[in-house]
Amino acid sequence: MEMRNADETTLEEVADGVYLGDLAIGCEASVKYWRIDPGATLPPHRHHNEQIGYVLSGSLVALVEGEEVTLSPGDCYRFPSRELHGAENRSSEPAVGIGVLAPPRERPDWGDESSS
């Protein structure tokens, strides 16, 4: 068994104010810990991975195929494979959550809407 605590996870800044860290990586899926600082934007992108996530704290506006959806603590979401999505933190507090990607995903190529 492998175990990692989110508090001990190294976060990498993948875009201005957007941080990702690996919690677990398996053969079929991976779990990411994410934080988006106030005023930061997760650039719109798409990938072949299905993505399911959960907001732990803070709030975000998800940008999904041109529509806006507010995500708050306790909200769970799913982006099907290849769906164009991003997010903005329009609040004054960091937004924090976890995301599961299947199959596992390496470091994203933010800003490239055609990224795999």
C-alpha atoms as a PDB file:
ATOM      1  CA  MET A   1       0.000   0.000   0.000  1.00  0.00           C
ATOM      2  CA  GLU A   2       1.140   3.511  -0.782  1.00  0.00           C
ATOM      3  CA  MET A   3      -0.025   6.502   1.247  1.00  0.00           C
ATOM      4  CA  ARG A   4       0.506  10.241   0.930  1.00  0.00           C
ATOM      5  CA  ASN A   5      -0.981  13.058   3.010  1.00  0.00           C
ATOM      6  CA  ALA A   6      -2.138  16.162   1.106  1.00  0.00           C
ATOM      7  CA  ASP A   7      -0.255  18.376   3.607  1.00  0.00           C
ATOM      8  CA  GLU A   8       2.998  16.636   2.617  1.00  0.00           C
ATOM      9  CA  THR A   9       2.395  16.798  -1.152  1.00  0.00           C
ATOM     10  CA  THR A  10       4.745  18.959  -3.193  1.00  0.00           C
ATOM     11  CA  LEU A  11       2.731  21.392  -5.285  1.00  0.00           C
ATOM     12  CA  GLU A  12       4.003  22.523  -8.674  1.00  0.00           C
ATOM     13  CA  GLU A  13       2.869  25.853 -10.111  1.00  0.00           C
ATOM     14  CA  VAL A  14       1.527  24.866 -13.548  1.00  0.00           C
ATOM     15  CA  ALA A  15       0.094  28.323 -14.384  1.00  0.00           C
ATOM     16  CA  ASP A  16       0.180  31.645 -12.506  1.00  0.00           C
ATOM     17  CA  GLY A  17      -1.455  30.910  -9.144  1.00  0.00           C
ATOM     18  CA  VAL A  18      -2.503  27.371 -10.132  1.00  0.00           C
ATOM     19  CA  TYR A  19      -0.868  24.473  -8.265  1.00  0.00           C
ATOM     20  CA  LEU A  20      -1.066  20.698  -8.697  1.00  0.00           C
ATOM     21  CA  GLY A  21       0.374  17.859  -6.654  1.00  0.00           C
ATOM     22  CA  ASP A  22       0.219  14.086  -7.040  1.00  0.00           C
ATOM     23  CA  LEU A  23      -1.478  12.203  -4.225  1.00  0.00           C
ATOM     24  CA  ALA A  24      -1.533   8.782  -5.857  1.00  0.00           C
ATOM     25  CA  ILE A  25      -0.701   7.416  -9.292  1.00  0.00           C
ATOM     26  CA  GLY A  26      -1.913   4.008 -10.367  1.00  0.00           C
ATOM     27  CA  CYS A  27      -2.034   2.074 -13.607  1.00  0.00           C
ATOM     28  CA  GLU A  28      -5.621   3.122 -14.413  1.00  0.00           C
ATOM     29  CA  ALA A  29      -6.105   6.490 -12.599  1.00  0.00           C
ATOM     30  CA  SER A  30      -4.355   9.241 -10.692  1.00  0.00           C
ATOM     31  CA  VAL A  31      -5.425  11.535  -7.852  1.00  0.00           C
ATOM     32  CA  LYS A  32      -4.328  15.166  -7.927  1.00  0.00           C
ATOM     33  CA  TYR A  33      -4.455  17.741  -5.155  1.00  0.00           C
ATOM     34  CA  TRP A  34      -5.052  21.240  -6.554  1.00  0.00           C
ATOM     35  CA  ARG A  35      -5.088  24.826  -5.347  1.00  0.00           C
ATOM     36  CA  ILE A  36      -6.111  27.914  -7.313  1.00  0.00           C
ATOM     37  CA  ASP A  37      -5.217  31.222  -5.690  1.00  0.00           C
ATOM     38  CA  PRO A  38      -7.541  34.247  -5.622  1.00  0.00           C
ATOM     39  CA  GLY A  39      -7.613  35.945  -9.012  1.00  0.00           C
ATOM     40  CA  ALA A  40      -5.910  33.018 -10.768  1.00  0.00           C
ATOM     41  CA  THR A  41      -7.181  31.276 -13.886  1.00  0.00           C
ATOM     42  CA  LEU A  42      -6.834  27.655 -14.896  1.00  0.00           C
ATOM     43  CA  PRO A  43      -6.512  28.086 -18.680  1.00  0.00           C
ATOM     44  CA  PRO A  44      -9.162  26.394 -20.843  1.00  0.00           C
ATOM     45  CA  HIS A  45      -7.927  23.026 -22.055  1.00  0.00           C
ATOM     46  CA  ARG A  46      -9.084  19.568 -23.029  1.00  0.00           C
ATOM     47  CA  HIS A  47      -7.554  16.120 -22.653  1.00  0.00           C
ATOM     48  CA  HIS A  48      -8.411  12.510 -23.338  1.00  0.00           C
ATOM     49  CA  ASN A  49      -8.671  11.752 -19.611  1.00  0.00           C
ATOM     50  CA  GLU A  50     -12.020  11.640 -17.853  1.00  0.00           C
ATOM     51  CA  GLN A  51     -11.772  13.946 -14.809  1.00  0.00           C
ATOM     52  CA  ILE A  52     -13.825  13.752 -11.634  1.00  0.00           C
ATOM     53  CA  GLY A  53     -13.191  16.129  -8.745  1.00  0.00           C
ATOM     54  CA  TYR A  54     -14.322  17.475  -5.402  1.00  0.00           C
ATOM     55  CA  VAL A  55     -14.028  20.997  -3.975  1.00  0.00           C
ATOM     56  CA  LEU A  56     -12.698  20.947  -0.407  1.00  0.00           C
ATOM     57  CA  SER A  57     -12.638  24.696   0.295  1.00  0.00           C
ATOM     58  CA  GLY A  58     -13.070  28.036  -1.440  1.00  0.00           C
ATOM     59  CA  SER A  59     -15.073  28.539  -4.603  1.00  0.00           C
ATOM     60  CA  LEU A  60     -14.441  28.554  -8.347  1.00  0.00           C
ATOM     61  CA  VAL A  61     -16.228  29.435 -11.521  1.00  0.00           C
ATOM     62  CA  ALA A  62     -15.788  26.508 -13.895  1.00  0.00           C
ATOM     63  CA  LEU A  63     -15.663  27.493 -17.550  1.00  0.00           C
ATOM     64  CA  VAL A  64     -17.175  24.584 -19.464  1.00  0.00           C
ATOM     65  CA  GLU A  65     -17.591  24.760 -23.238  1.00  0.00           C
ATOM     66  CA  GLY A  66     -18.297  28.514 -22.938  1.00  0.00           C
ATOM     67  CA  GLU A  67     -20.673  28.287 -19.954  1.00  0.00           C
ATOM     68  CA  GLU A  68     -19.984  29.264 -16.328  1.00  0.00           C
ATOM     69  CA  VAL A  69     -20.762  26.974 -13.388  1.00  0.00           C
ATOM     70  CA  THR A  70     -20.059  27.984  -9.772  1.00  0.00           C
ATOM     71  CA  LEU A  71     -18.365  25.280  -7.669  1.00  0.00           C
ATOM     72  CA  SER A  72     -18.435  25.537  -3.865  1.00  0.00           C
ATOM     73  CA  PRO A  73     -17.157  23.357  -0.999  1.00  0.00           C
ATOM     74  CA  GLY A  74     -18.785  19.944  -1.130  1.00  0.00           C
ATOM     75  CA  ASP A  75     -19.473  20.096  -4.868  1.00  0.00           C
ATOM     76  CA  CYS A  76     -18.387  17.155  -6.998  1.00  0.00           C
ATOM     77  CA  TYR A  77     -17.866  17.541 -10.738  1.00  0.00           C
ATOM     78  CA  ARG A  78     -17.053  15.485 -13.830  1.00  0.00           C
ATOM     79  CA  PHE A  79     -15.512  16.531 -17.138  1.00  0.00           C
ATOM     80  CA  PRO A  80     -15.934  13.902 -19.847  1.00  0.00           C
ATOM     81  CA  SER A  81     -12.977  13.115 -22.048  1.00  0.00           C
ATOM     82  CA  ARG A  82     -12.185  15.938 -24.538  1.00  0.00           C
ATOM     83  CA  GLU A  83     -14.594  18.477 -22.934  1.00  0.00           C
ATOM     84  CA  LEU A  84     -13.153  22.017 -23.028  1.00  0.00           C
ATOM     85  CA  HIS A  85     -12.863  23.267 -19.449  1.00  0.00           C
ATOM     86  CA  GLY A  86     -11.000  25.701 -17.210  1.00  0.00           C
ATOM     87  CA  ALA A  87     -11.692  27.699 -14.053  1.00  0.00           C
ATOM     88  CA  GLU A  88     -11.362  31.120 -12.455  1.00  0.00           C
ATOM     89  CA  ASN A  89     -11.046  31.906  -8.785  1.00  0.00           C
ATOM     90  CA  ARG A  90     -13.006  35.142  -8.442  1.00  0.00           C
ATOM     91  CA  SER A  91     -13.057  34.985  -4.648  1.00  0.00           C
ATOM     92  CA  SER A  92     -10.650  36.338  -2.028  1.00  0.00           C
ATOM     93  CA  GLU A  93      -9.703  32.861  -0.725  1.00  0.00           C
ATOM     94  CA  PRO A  94      -7.771  29.990  -2.319  1.00  0.00           C
ATOM     95  CA  ALA A  95      -9.868  27.204  -3.816  1.00  0.00           C
ATOM     96  CA  VAL A  96      -8.652  23.712  -2.907  1.00  0.00           C
ATOM     97  CA  GLY A  97      -9.761  20.296  -4.065  1.00  0.00           C
ATOM     98  CA  ILE A  98      -8.894  16.894  -5.426  1.00  0.00           C
ATOM     99  CA  GLY A  99      -9.234  15.491  -8.919  1.00  0.00           C
ATOM    100  CA  VAL A 100      -9.179  11.954 -10.237  1.00  0.00           C
ATOM    101  CA  LEU A 101      -8.025  11.413 -13.813  1.00  0.00           C
ATOM    102  CA  ALA A 102      -8.469   8.196 -15.742  1.00  0.00           C
ATOM    103  CA  PRO A 103      -6.204   7.168 -17.289  1.00  0.00           C
ATOM    104  CA  PRO A 104      -3.470   8.832 -15.199  1.00  0.00           C
ATOM    105  CA  ARG A 105      -2.271  12.185 -16.477  1.00  0.00           C
ATOM    106  CA  GLU A 106       1.209  13.634 -16.586  1.00  0.00           C
ATOM    107  CA  ARG A 107       1.962  17.357 -16.270  1.00  0.00           C
ATOM    108  CA  PRO A 108      -0.598  19.261 -18.362  1.00  0.00           C
ATOM    109  CA  ASP A 109       0.238  21.521 -21.281  1.00  0.00           C
ATOM    110  CA  TRP A 110      -1.859  24.497 -20.152  1.00  0.00           C
ATOM    111  CA  GLY A 111      -3.198  26.866 -22.712  1.00  0.00           C
ATOM    112  CA  ASP A 112      -3.118  24.338 -25.534  1.00  0.00           C
ATOM    113  CA  GLU A 113      -6.794  23.550 -26.163  1.00  0.00           C
ATOM    114  CA  SER A 114      -5.784  20.602 -28.298  1.00  0.00           C
ATOM    115  CA  SER A 115      -3.478  19.068 -25.677  1.00  0.00           C
ATOM    116  CA  SER A 116      -3.888  15.371 -25.303  1.00  0.00           C
END
